[in-house]
N, C-alpha and C. Protein backbone atom coordinates (compact mmCIF):
# COMPACT_ATOMS: atom_id res chain seq x y z
N MET A 1 0.86 -1.04 0.03
CA MET A 1 0.10 0.02 0.05
C MET A 1 0.85 1.24 -0.04
N SER A 2 0.63 2.06 -0.84
CA SER A 2 1.29 3.34 -1.01
C SER A 2 0.30 4.60 -1.11
N GLY A 3 0.83 5.71 -0.86
CA GLY A 3 0.03 6.80 -1.01
C GLY A 3 0.65 8.16 -1.23
N THR A 4 -0.11 9.15 -1.65
CA THR A 4 0.49 10.40 -2.07
C THR A 4 0.50 11.31 -0.88
N ASP A 5 -0.48 11.26 -0.03
CA ASP A 5 -0.67 12.06 1.18
C ASP A 5 -1.31 10.92 2.37
N SER A 6 -1.42 11.67 3.53
CA SER A 6 -2.19 10.98 4.46
C SER A 6 -3.68 10.55 4.44
N SER A 7 -4.27 11.33 3.55
CA SER A 7 -5.66 11.19 3.44
C SER A 7 -6.21 10.02 2.31
N PHE A 8 -5.17 9.65 1.47
CA PHE A 8 -5.43 8.76 0.54
C PHE A 8 -4.49 7.59 0.52
N ARG A 9 -4.89 6.36 0.22
CA ARG A 9 -3.94 5.32 0.20
C ARG A 9 -4.39 4.64 -1.11
N THR A 10 -3.43 3.96 -1.84
CA THR A 10 -3.69 3.26 -2.98
C THR A 10 -3.43 1.75 -2.96
N LEU A 11 -4.16 1.04 -3.40
CA LEU A 11 -4.02 -0.37 -3.63
C LEU A 11 -3.91 -0.72 -5.11
N ASN A 12 -2.76 -0.93 -5.53
CA ASN A 12 -2.55 -1.27 -7.04
C ASN A 12 -3.01 -2.40 -7.42
N ASN A 13 -3.68 -2.38 -8.48
CA ASN A 13 -3.99 -3.75 -9.24
C ASN A 13 -5.00 -4.59 -8.38
N LEU A 14 -5.94 -3.72 -7.80
CA LEU A 14 -6.84 -4.57 -7.08
C LEU A 14 -8.27 -4.50 -7.70
N GLU A 15 -8.74 -5.65 -8.10
CA GLU A 15 -9.85 -5.77 -9.02
C GLU A 15 -10.90 -6.48 -8.22
N LEU A 16 -11.89 -5.75 -8.20
CA LEU A 16 -13.11 -6.31 -7.41
C LEU A 16 -14.44 -6.22 -8.05
N SER A 17 -15.45 -7.05 -7.98
CA SER A 17 -16.81 -6.91 -8.72
C SER A 17 -17.39 -5.65 -8.29
N ASN A 18 -18.31 -5.20 -9.02
CA ASN A 18 -18.92 -4.04 -8.54
C ASN A 18 -19.43 -4.01 -7.15
N TYR A 19 -20.33 -5.12 -6.93
CA TYR A 19 -20.81 -5.33 -5.53
C TYR A 19 -19.79 -5.12 -4.47
N SER A 20 -18.78 -5.86 -4.66
CA SER A 20 -17.64 -6.07 -3.61
C SER A 20 -16.91 -4.49 -3.42
N ALA A 21 -16.57 -4.21 -4.58
CA ALA A 21 -15.92 -2.64 -4.74
C ALA A 21 -17.11 -1.81 -3.87
N GLY A 22 -18.23 -1.82 -4.26
CA GLY A 22 -19.10 -0.93 -3.41
C GLY A 22 -19.30 -1.04 -2.13
N ILE A 23 -19.24 -2.44 -1.56
CA ILE A 23 -19.27 -2.62 -0.13
C ILE A 23 -18.07 -2.00 0.44
N LEU A 24 -16.89 -1.98 -0.22
CA LEU A 24 -15.73 -1.62 0.44
C LEU A 24 -15.71 -0.10 0.34
N ILE A 25 -16.19 0.45 -0.62
CA ILE A 25 -16.25 1.92 -0.76
C ILE A 25 -17.26 2.54 0.41
N ALA A 26 -18.46 1.79 0.58
CA ALA A 26 -19.39 2.10 1.49
C ALA A 26 -18.89 2.23 3.01
N ASP A 27 -18.06 1.13 3.28
CA ASP A 27 -17.48 0.91 4.55
C ASP A 27 -16.56 1.97 4.82
N ILE A 28 -15.60 2.47 3.86
CA ILE A 28 -14.71 3.60 3.94
C ILE A 28 -15.56 4.96 4.16
N LEU A 29 -16.57 5.19 3.35
CA LEU A 29 -17.36 6.35 3.53
C LEU A 29 -18.05 6.56 4.99
N TYR A 30 -18.59 5.33 5.24
CA TYR A 30 -19.26 5.38 6.63
C TYR A 30 -18.20 5.73 7.81
N LYS A 31 -16.91 5.54 7.63
CA LYS A 31 -16.00 5.95 8.54
C LYS A 31 -15.54 7.44 8.22
N HIS A 32 -16.35 8.09 7.37
CA HIS A 32 -15.97 9.54 7.09
C HIS A 32 -14.76 9.70 6.50
N TYR A 33 -14.31 8.87 5.60
CA TYR A 33 -12.93 9.13 4.55
C TYR A 33 -13.32 9.27 3.47
N PRO A 34 -12.90 9.99 2.56
CA PRO A 34 -13.09 10.15 1.14
C PRO A 34 -12.51 8.93 0.49
N VAL A 35 -12.85 8.63 -0.92
CA VAL A 35 -12.42 7.37 -1.76
C VAL A 35 -12.03 7.92 -3.00
N ARG A 36 -10.88 7.65 -3.45
CA ARG A 36 -10.56 7.97 -4.90
C ARG A 36 -10.52 6.81 -5.74
N LEU A 37 -11.33 6.86 -6.91
CA LEU A 37 -11.43 5.58 -7.66
C LEU A 37 -11.43 5.85 -9.21
N LYS A 38 -11.35 4.91 -9.82
CA LYS A 38 -11.35 5.20 -11.35
C LYS A 38 -12.57 4.72 -11.72
N ALA A 39 -13.16 5.80 -12.62
CA ALA A 39 -14.61 5.57 -13.20
C ALA A 39 -14.43 4.50 -14.30
N LYS A 40 -15.39 3.73 -14.41
CA LYS A 40 -15.56 2.63 -15.45
C LYS A 40 -16.95 2.87 -16.31
N GLY A 41 -16.96 2.96 -17.57
CA GLY A 41 -18.24 3.24 -18.26
C GLY A 41 -18.39 4.36 -18.73
N ASP A 42 -19.61 4.66 -19.60
CA ASP A 42 -19.77 5.71 -20.17
C ASP A 42 -21.20 6.47 -19.75
N SER A 43 -21.81 6.05 -18.53
CA SER A 43 -23.19 6.31 -18.18
C SER A 43 -23.19 7.79 -17.80
N MET A 44 -22.11 8.50 -17.52
CA MET A 44 -22.04 9.73 -17.07
C MET A 44 -21.27 10.68 -18.15
N PHE A 45 -21.02 10.19 -19.38
CA PHE A 45 -20.42 11.11 -20.41
C PHE A 45 -21.45 12.25 -20.63
N PRO A 46 -20.79 13.35 -20.83
CA PRO A 46 -19.52 13.81 -21.11
C PRO A 46 -18.81 14.32 -19.79
N LEU A 47 -19.45 14.47 -18.68
CA LEU A 47 -18.95 14.96 -17.49
C LEU A 47 -17.81 14.00 -16.87
N ILE A 48 -18.20 12.77 -16.60
CA ILE A 48 -17.20 11.77 -16.38
C ILE A 48 -17.01 10.74 -17.27
N LEU A 49 -15.67 10.65 -17.87
CA LEU A 49 -15.55 9.64 -18.80
C LEU A 49 -14.65 8.40 -18.06
N ASN A 50 -14.81 7.56 -18.97
CA ASN A 50 -14.17 6.04 -18.66
C ASN A 50 -12.77 6.45 -18.39
N ASN A 51 -12.29 5.62 -17.22
CA ASN A 51 -10.92 5.96 -16.49
C ASN A 51 -10.71 7.28 -15.92
N ASP A 52 -11.61 8.21 -15.85
CA ASP A 52 -11.40 9.45 -15.09
C ASP A 52 -11.16 8.83 -13.52
N LEU A 53 -10.31 9.77 -13.03
CA LEU A 53 -10.26 9.45 -11.31
C LEU A 53 -11.14 10.39 -10.79
N ILE A 54 -12.06 9.81 -9.98
CA ILE A 54 -13.01 10.53 -9.24
C ILE A 54 -12.95 10.46 -7.64
N THR A 55 -13.18 11.54 -6.86
CA THR A 55 -13.11 11.55 -5.64
C THR A 55 -14.61 11.39 -4.90
N VAL A 56 -14.99 10.37 -4.18
CA VAL A 56 -16.38 10.44 -3.57
C VAL A 56 -16.11 10.71 -2.01
N SER A 57 -16.97 11.53 -1.93
CA SER A 57 -16.99 11.87 -0.35
C SER A 57 -18.11 11.52 0.57
N PRO A 58 -17.93 11.35 1.80
CA PRO A 58 -19.01 10.95 2.71
C PRO A 58 -20.02 12.11 2.84
N TRP A 59 -21.28 12.03 3.14
CA TRP A 59 -22.30 12.97 3.28
C TRP A 59 -21.87 13.95 4.64
N LYS A 60 -21.44 13.35 5.64
CA LYS A 60 -21.35 14.04 6.87
C LYS A 60 -22.62 14.74 7.26
N CYS A 61 -22.53 16.21 7.19
CA CYS A 61 -23.80 16.99 7.64
C CYS A 61 -24.45 17.58 6.20
N ARG A 62 -23.94 17.14 5.08
CA ARG A 62 -24.50 17.41 3.92
C ARG A 62 -25.88 16.48 3.40
N ILE A 63 -26.79 17.10 2.71
CA ILE A 63 -27.75 16.14 2.25
C ILE A 63 -27.86 16.29 0.75
N PRO A 64 -28.36 15.37 -0.16
CA PRO A 64 -28.22 15.48 -1.47
C PRO A 64 -29.38 16.44 -2.11
N GLU A 65 -28.68 17.18 -3.36
CA GLU A 65 -29.54 18.10 -3.86
C GLU A 65 -29.81 17.58 -5.29
N VAL A 66 -30.66 18.21 -5.90
CA VAL A 66 -30.89 17.88 -7.52
C VAL A 66 -29.75 18.44 -8.15
N GLY A 67 -29.06 17.54 -9.11
CA GLY A 67 -27.82 17.74 -9.70
C GLY A 67 -26.58 17.06 -9.01
N ASP A 68 -26.71 16.61 -7.83
CA ASP A 68 -25.47 16.03 -7.44
C ASP A 68 -25.21 14.64 -7.90
N ILE A 69 -24.09 14.30 -8.12
CA ILE A 69 -23.73 13.05 -8.62
C ILE A 69 -23.39 12.22 -7.54
N VAL A 70 -24.16 11.09 -7.29
CA VAL A 70 -24.10 10.30 -6.10
C VAL A 70 -23.65 8.77 -6.44
N VAL A 71 -23.11 8.13 -5.34
CA VAL A 71 -22.97 6.84 -5.23
C VAL A 71 -24.13 6.14 -4.78
N CYS A 72 -24.76 5.22 -5.50
CA CYS A 72 -26.00 4.72 -5.05
C CYS A 72 -26.00 3.13 -5.04
N PHE A 73 -26.67 2.57 -4.00
CA PHE A 73 -26.57 1.18 -3.96
C PHE A 73 -28.07 0.70 -4.40
N ASP A 74 -28.18 0.15 -5.48
CA ASP A 74 -29.45 -0.43 -6.11
C ASP A 74 -29.62 -1.86 -5.52
N ASN A 75 -30.55 -1.90 -4.51
CA ASN A 75 -30.78 -3.29 -3.95
C ASN A 75 -31.32 -4.30 -4.95
N SER A 76 -32.28 -3.79 -5.77
CA SER A 76 -32.95 -4.80 -6.68
C SER A 76 -31.95 -5.38 -7.66
N ARG A 77 -30.89 -4.63 -8.11
CA ARG A 77 -29.93 -5.27 -9.08
C ARG A 77 -28.56 -5.76 -8.46
N GLN A 78 -28.48 -5.46 -6.99
CA GLN A 78 -27.25 -5.57 -6.08
C GLN A 78 -26.10 -5.24 -6.74
N ARG A 79 -26.21 -3.92 -7.14
CA ARG A 79 -24.88 -3.08 -7.76
C ARG A 79 -24.95 -1.76 -7.38
N PHE A 80 -23.86 -1.11 -7.61
CA PHE A 80 -23.61 0.36 -7.03
C PHE A 80 -23.37 1.08 -8.60
N VAL A 81 -23.98 2.21 -8.62
CA VAL A 81 -23.84 3.26 -9.73
C VAL A 81 -23.43 4.46 -9.27
N ILE A 82 -22.78 5.15 -10.07
CA ILE A 82 -22.47 6.57 -9.92
C ILE A 82 -23.31 7.38 -10.95
N HIS A 83 -24.17 8.07 -10.48
CA HIS A 83 -25.28 8.67 -11.17
C HIS A 83 -25.86 10.19 -10.60
N ARG A 84 -26.45 10.82 -11.62
CA ARG A 84 -26.96 12.01 -10.89
C ARG A 84 -28.35 12.15 -10.27
N VAL A 85 -28.44 12.87 -9.30
CA VAL A 85 -29.95 13.06 -8.67
C VAL A 85 -30.66 14.04 -9.71
N VAL A 86 -31.88 13.49 -10.26
CA VAL A 86 -32.57 14.33 -11.21
C VAL A 86 -33.78 14.85 -10.56
N ARG A 87 -34.54 14.44 -9.65
CA ARG A 87 -35.54 14.74 -8.89
C ARG A 87 -35.72 14.12 -7.53
N ILE A 88 -36.27 14.88 -6.66
CA ILE A 88 -36.41 14.50 -5.20
C ILE A 88 -38.03 14.42 -4.99
N LYS A 89 -38.64 13.29 -4.52
CA LYS A 89 -40.12 13.30 -4.28
C LYS A 89 -40.04 12.64 -2.80
N LYS A 90 -40.77 13.24 -2.04
CA LYS A 90 -40.97 12.57 -0.66
C LYS A 90 -39.71 12.12 0.11
N LYS A 91 -38.65 12.48 0.04
CA LYS A 91 -37.40 12.15 0.63
C LYS A 91 -36.93 10.88 -0.04
N ASN A 92 -37.37 10.78 -1.35
CA ASN A 92 -36.58 9.69 -2.22
C ASN A 92 -36.07 10.37 -3.30
N TYR A 93 -34.82 9.92 -3.76
CA TYR A 93 -33.97 10.57 -4.70
C TYR A 93 -34.16 9.80 -6.04
N GLU A 94 -34.51 10.53 -7.34
CA GLU A 94 -34.51 9.69 -8.43
C GLU A 94 -33.10 9.88 -9.23
N ILE A 95 -32.32 8.88 -9.47
CA ILE A 95 -31.00 9.09 -10.12
C ILE A 95 -31.04 8.50 -11.46
N LYS A 96 -30.11 9.05 -12.35
CA LYS A 96 -30.00 8.79 -13.69
C LYS A 96 -28.61 9.14 -14.13
N GLY A 97 -28.04 8.22 -15.20
CA GLY A 97 -26.77 8.50 -15.86
C GLY A 97 -27.05 9.56 -16.98
N ASP A 98 -26.29 10.58 -17.13
CA ASP A 98 -26.45 11.69 -18.10
C ASP A 98 -26.51 10.83 -19.44
N PHE A 99 -25.81 9.85 -19.64
CA PHE A 99 -25.79 9.23 -20.96
C PHE A 99 -26.72 8.13 -21.34
N CYS A 100 -27.66 8.10 -20.29
CA CYS A 100 -28.87 6.90 -20.41
C CYS A 100 -30.05 7.47 -20.54
N PHE A 101 -30.93 6.80 -21.31
CA PHE A 101 -32.34 7.50 -21.64
C PHE A 101 -33.34 7.02 -20.32
N HIS A 102 -32.92 6.15 -19.50
CA HIS A 102 -33.87 5.62 -18.45
C HIS A 102 -33.32 5.94 -17.07
N THR A 103 -34.11 6.37 -16.30
CA THR A 103 -33.70 6.37 -14.64
C THR A 103 -33.40 5.15 -14.06
N ASP A 104 -32.50 5.17 -13.06
CA ASP A 104 -32.45 4.04 -12.27
C ASP A 104 -33.57 3.65 -11.34
N GLY A 105 -34.47 4.74 -11.15
CA GLY A 105 -35.56 4.80 -10.11
C GLY A 105 -35.30 5.48 -9.05
N TYR A 106 -36.24 5.59 -7.96
CA TYR A 106 -36.18 6.27 -6.64
C TYR A 106 -35.42 5.63 -5.58
N PHE A 107 -34.67 6.25 -4.87
CA PHE A 107 -33.90 5.36 -3.80
C PHE A 107 -33.97 6.30 -2.60
N ALA A 108 -34.05 5.88 -1.37
CA ALA A 108 -34.20 6.27 0.07
C ALA A 108 -32.66 7.00 0.16
N PHE A 109 -32.47 7.85 1.00
CA PHE A 109 -31.06 8.41 1.43
C PHE A 109 -30.19 7.33 1.86
N ASP A 110 -30.63 6.24 2.61
CA ASP A 110 -29.73 5.29 2.93
C ASP A 110 -29.03 4.65 1.90
N ASN A 111 -29.60 4.65 0.61
CA ASN A 111 -29.02 4.10 -0.33
C ASN A 111 -27.89 4.84 -1.09
N LEU A 112 -27.94 6.11 -0.79
CA LEU A 112 -26.92 6.98 -1.45
C LEU A 112 -25.81 7.15 -0.42
N ILE A 113 -24.53 6.60 -0.68
CA ILE A 113 -23.58 6.36 0.35
C ILE A 113 -22.45 7.36 0.26
N GLY A 114 -22.55 8.35 -0.80
CA GLY A 114 -21.58 9.36 -0.95
C GLY A 114 -21.81 10.28 -2.09
N TYR A 115 -21.09 11.24 -2.38
CA TYR A 115 -21.08 12.00 -3.53
C TYR A 115 -19.85 12.46 -4.17
N VAL A 116 -19.84 12.66 -5.39
CA VAL A 116 -18.77 12.98 -6.20
C VAL A 116 -18.27 14.22 -5.94
N SER A 117 -17.04 14.67 -5.18
CA SER A 117 -16.64 15.93 -4.88
C SER A 117 -15.56 16.37 -5.77
N THR A 118 -14.94 15.46 -6.42
CA THR A 118 -13.93 15.98 -7.54
C THR A 118 -13.86 14.87 -8.83
N ILE A 119 -13.58 15.61 -10.07
CA ILE A 119 -13.31 14.58 -11.08
C ILE A 119 -12.05 14.94 -11.80
N ASN A 120 -11.16 14.06 -12.03
CA ASN A 120 -9.92 14.52 -12.55
C ASN A 120 -9.76 13.74 -14.03
N HIS A 121 -9.97 14.75 -15.01
CA HIS A 121 -9.76 14.36 -16.50
C HIS A 121 -8.30 14.57 -16.82
N HIS A 122 -7.51 13.62 -16.70
CA HIS A 122 -6.03 13.52 -17.36
C HIS A 122 -5.44 14.96 -16.84
N HIS A 123 -5.34 15.07 -15.44
CA HIS A 123 -4.72 16.31 -15.14
C HIS A 123 -5.59 17.65 -14.91
N ASP A 124 -6.67 17.63 -15.52
CA ASP A 124 -7.73 18.74 -15.33
C ASP A 124 -8.62 18.27 -14.19
N ILE A 125 -8.42 19.04 -13.14
CA ILE A 125 -9.36 18.81 -11.76
C ILE A 125 -10.69 19.54 -11.83
N LEU A 126 -11.72 18.96 -11.74
CA LEU A 126 -12.88 19.69 -11.75
C LEU A 126 -13.64 19.52 -10.27
N PRO A 127 -13.63 20.68 -9.70
CA PRO A 127 -14.05 20.73 -8.23
C PRO A 127 -15.58 20.72 -8.21
N PHE A 128 -16.12 20.09 -7.35
CA PHE A 128 -17.64 20.09 -6.97
C PHE A 128 -17.70 20.70 -5.48
N PRO A 129 -18.94 21.25 -5.09
CA PRO A 129 -20.17 21.07 -5.70
C PRO A 129 -20.30 22.40 -6.70
N ILE A 130 -20.87 22.16 -7.90
CA ILE A 130 -21.24 23.34 -8.79
C ILE A 130 -22.22 24.27 -8.33
N GLN A 131 -22.47 25.42 -8.87
CA GLN A 131 -23.43 26.14 -8.51
C GLN A 131 -24.83 25.50 -8.55
N LEU A 132 -25.67 25.76 -7.46
CA LEU A 132 -26.92 25.08 -7.43
C LEU A 132 -27.83 25.30 -8.67
N LYS A 133 -27.83 26.48 -9.27
CA LYS A 133 -28.79 26.72 -10.48
C LYS A 133 -28.14 25.92 -11.64
N LEU A 134 -26.81 26.06 -11.94
CA LEU A 134 -26.31 25.11 -12.82
C LEU A 134 -26.55 23.57 -12.53
N LYS A 135 -26.61 23.07 -11.29
CA LYS A 135 -26.86 21.86 -11.24
C LYS A 135 -28.31 21.40 -11.47
N LYS A 136 -29.17 22.37 -11.22
CA LYS A 136 -30.52 22.13 -11.50
C LYS A 136 -30.85 22.05 -13.08
N ILE A 137 -30.05 22.95 -13.64
CA ILE A 137 -30.29 22.95 -15.03
C ILE A 137 -29.79 21.59 -15.87
N ILE A 138 -28.57 21.30 -15.35
CA ILE A 138 -27.85 20.03 -15.95
C ILE A 138 -28.81 18.81 -15.54
N SER A 139 -29.39 18.77 -14.29
CA SER A 139 -30.41 17.94 -13.83
C SER A 139 -31.65 17.79 -14.72
N PHE A 140 -32.29 18.98 -14.91
CA PHE A 140 -33.36 19.02 -15.88
C PHE A 140 -33.01 18.47 -17.37
N LEU A 141 -31.91 18.76 -17.77
CA LEU A 141 -31.44 18.38 -19.13
C LEU A 141 -31.15 16.96 -19.20
N SER A 142 -30.82 16.21 -18.15
CA SER A 142 -30.37 15.01 -17.87
C SER A 142 -31.97 14.25 -17.71
N ARG A 143 -32.76 14.79 -17.05
CA ARG A 143 -34.22 14.04 -16.47
C ARG A 143 -35.00 13.97 -17.96
N THR A 144 -34.82 15.04 -18.78
CA THR A 144 -35.65 15.07 -19.77
C THR A 144 -34.97 14.46 -21.32
N ASN A 145 -33.88 13.99 -21.09
CA ASN A 145 -33.20 13.23 -21.95
C ASN A 145 -32.43 14.21 -23.14
N LEU A 146 -32.56 15.52 -22.88
CA LEU A 146 -31.86 16.43 -23.88
C LEU A 146 -30.44 16.30 -23.68
N LEU A 147 -29.77 16.30 -22.47
CA LEU A 147 -28.43 15.98 -22.21
C LEU A 147 -28.07 14.89 -22.80
N THR A 148 -28.80 13.69 -22.67
CA THR A 148 -28.40 12.41 -23.35
C THR A 148 -28.45 12.27 -24.79
N LEU A 149 -29.23 13.07 -25.40
CA LEU A 149 -29.35 13.14 -26.87
C LEU A 149 -28.06 14.09 -27.30
N ILE A 150 -27.96 15.05 -26.71
CA ILE A 150 -26.66 15.88 -26.95
C ILE A 150 -25.40 15.11 -26.92
N ALA A 151 -25.36 14.40 -25.82
CA ALA A 151 -24.13 13.62 -25.52
C ALA A 151 -23.87 12.52 -26.44
N LYS A 152 -24.93 11.97 -26.88
CA LYS A 152 -24.67 10.76 -27.79
C LYS A 152 -24.49 11.35 -29.25
N ILE A 153 -24.78 12.56 -29.49
CA ILE A 153 -24.40 13.18 -30.82
C ILE A 153 -22.77 13.52 -30.79
N VAL A 154 -22.62 14.22 -29.59
CA VAL A 154 -21.22 14.66 -29.49
C VAL A 154 -20.10 13.32 -29.46
N LYS A 155 -20.77 12.13 -28.79
CA LYS A 155 -19.82 11.16 -28.74
C LYS A 155 -19.72 10.27 -30.03
N LYS A 156 -20.71 10.46 -30.73
CA LYS A 156 -20.76 9.75 -32.13
C LYS A 156 -19.85 10.74 -32.95
N TYR A 157 -19.85 12.00 -32.84
CA TYR A 157 -18.98 12.83 -33.69
C TYR A 157 -17.40 12.72 -33.42
N LEU A 158 -17.33 12.43 -31.94
CA LEU A 158 -15.79 12.48 -31.49
C LEU A 158 -15.26 11.03 -31.88
N THR A 159 -15.89 9.98 -31.96
CA THR A 159 -15.69 8.72 -32.47
C THR A 159 -15.26 8.51 -34.02
N LYS A 160 -15.72 9.45 -34.69
CA LYS A 160 -15.63 9.40 -36.20
C LYS A 160 -14.13 9.66 -36.73
């Protein structure tokens, strides 16, 4: 185990299933430590790219807001996802990947184990939280699939 500072430690070449990694991340976050991990997949394109280094932070005294990118445990599928809160109804949070047409559904706060506090795109660090108005606009665009359509067009153009 090696690390760059006292708040982060690195386990090199550790490969875990989605479920096992999620349990480990949840345990670390519940102890009020942030977790830095490599994103996998395109579900949050264009904001989070495959292999981006992200920092997930514990909630502590903070509560989720529309537009936050959260780590959520999906009991029905026994998996963890990192997606955006697009709507809040009766203390349940609807989450959705920006590059996905369908939502993951509504989840109680207990299923949201942390939030993305930074994204590192190959040496460019994007700090969060972004302004509330901007988060709400991005969330609306994601919820209505406008962001998804734009992202799919951009990705298609970039891969030509």
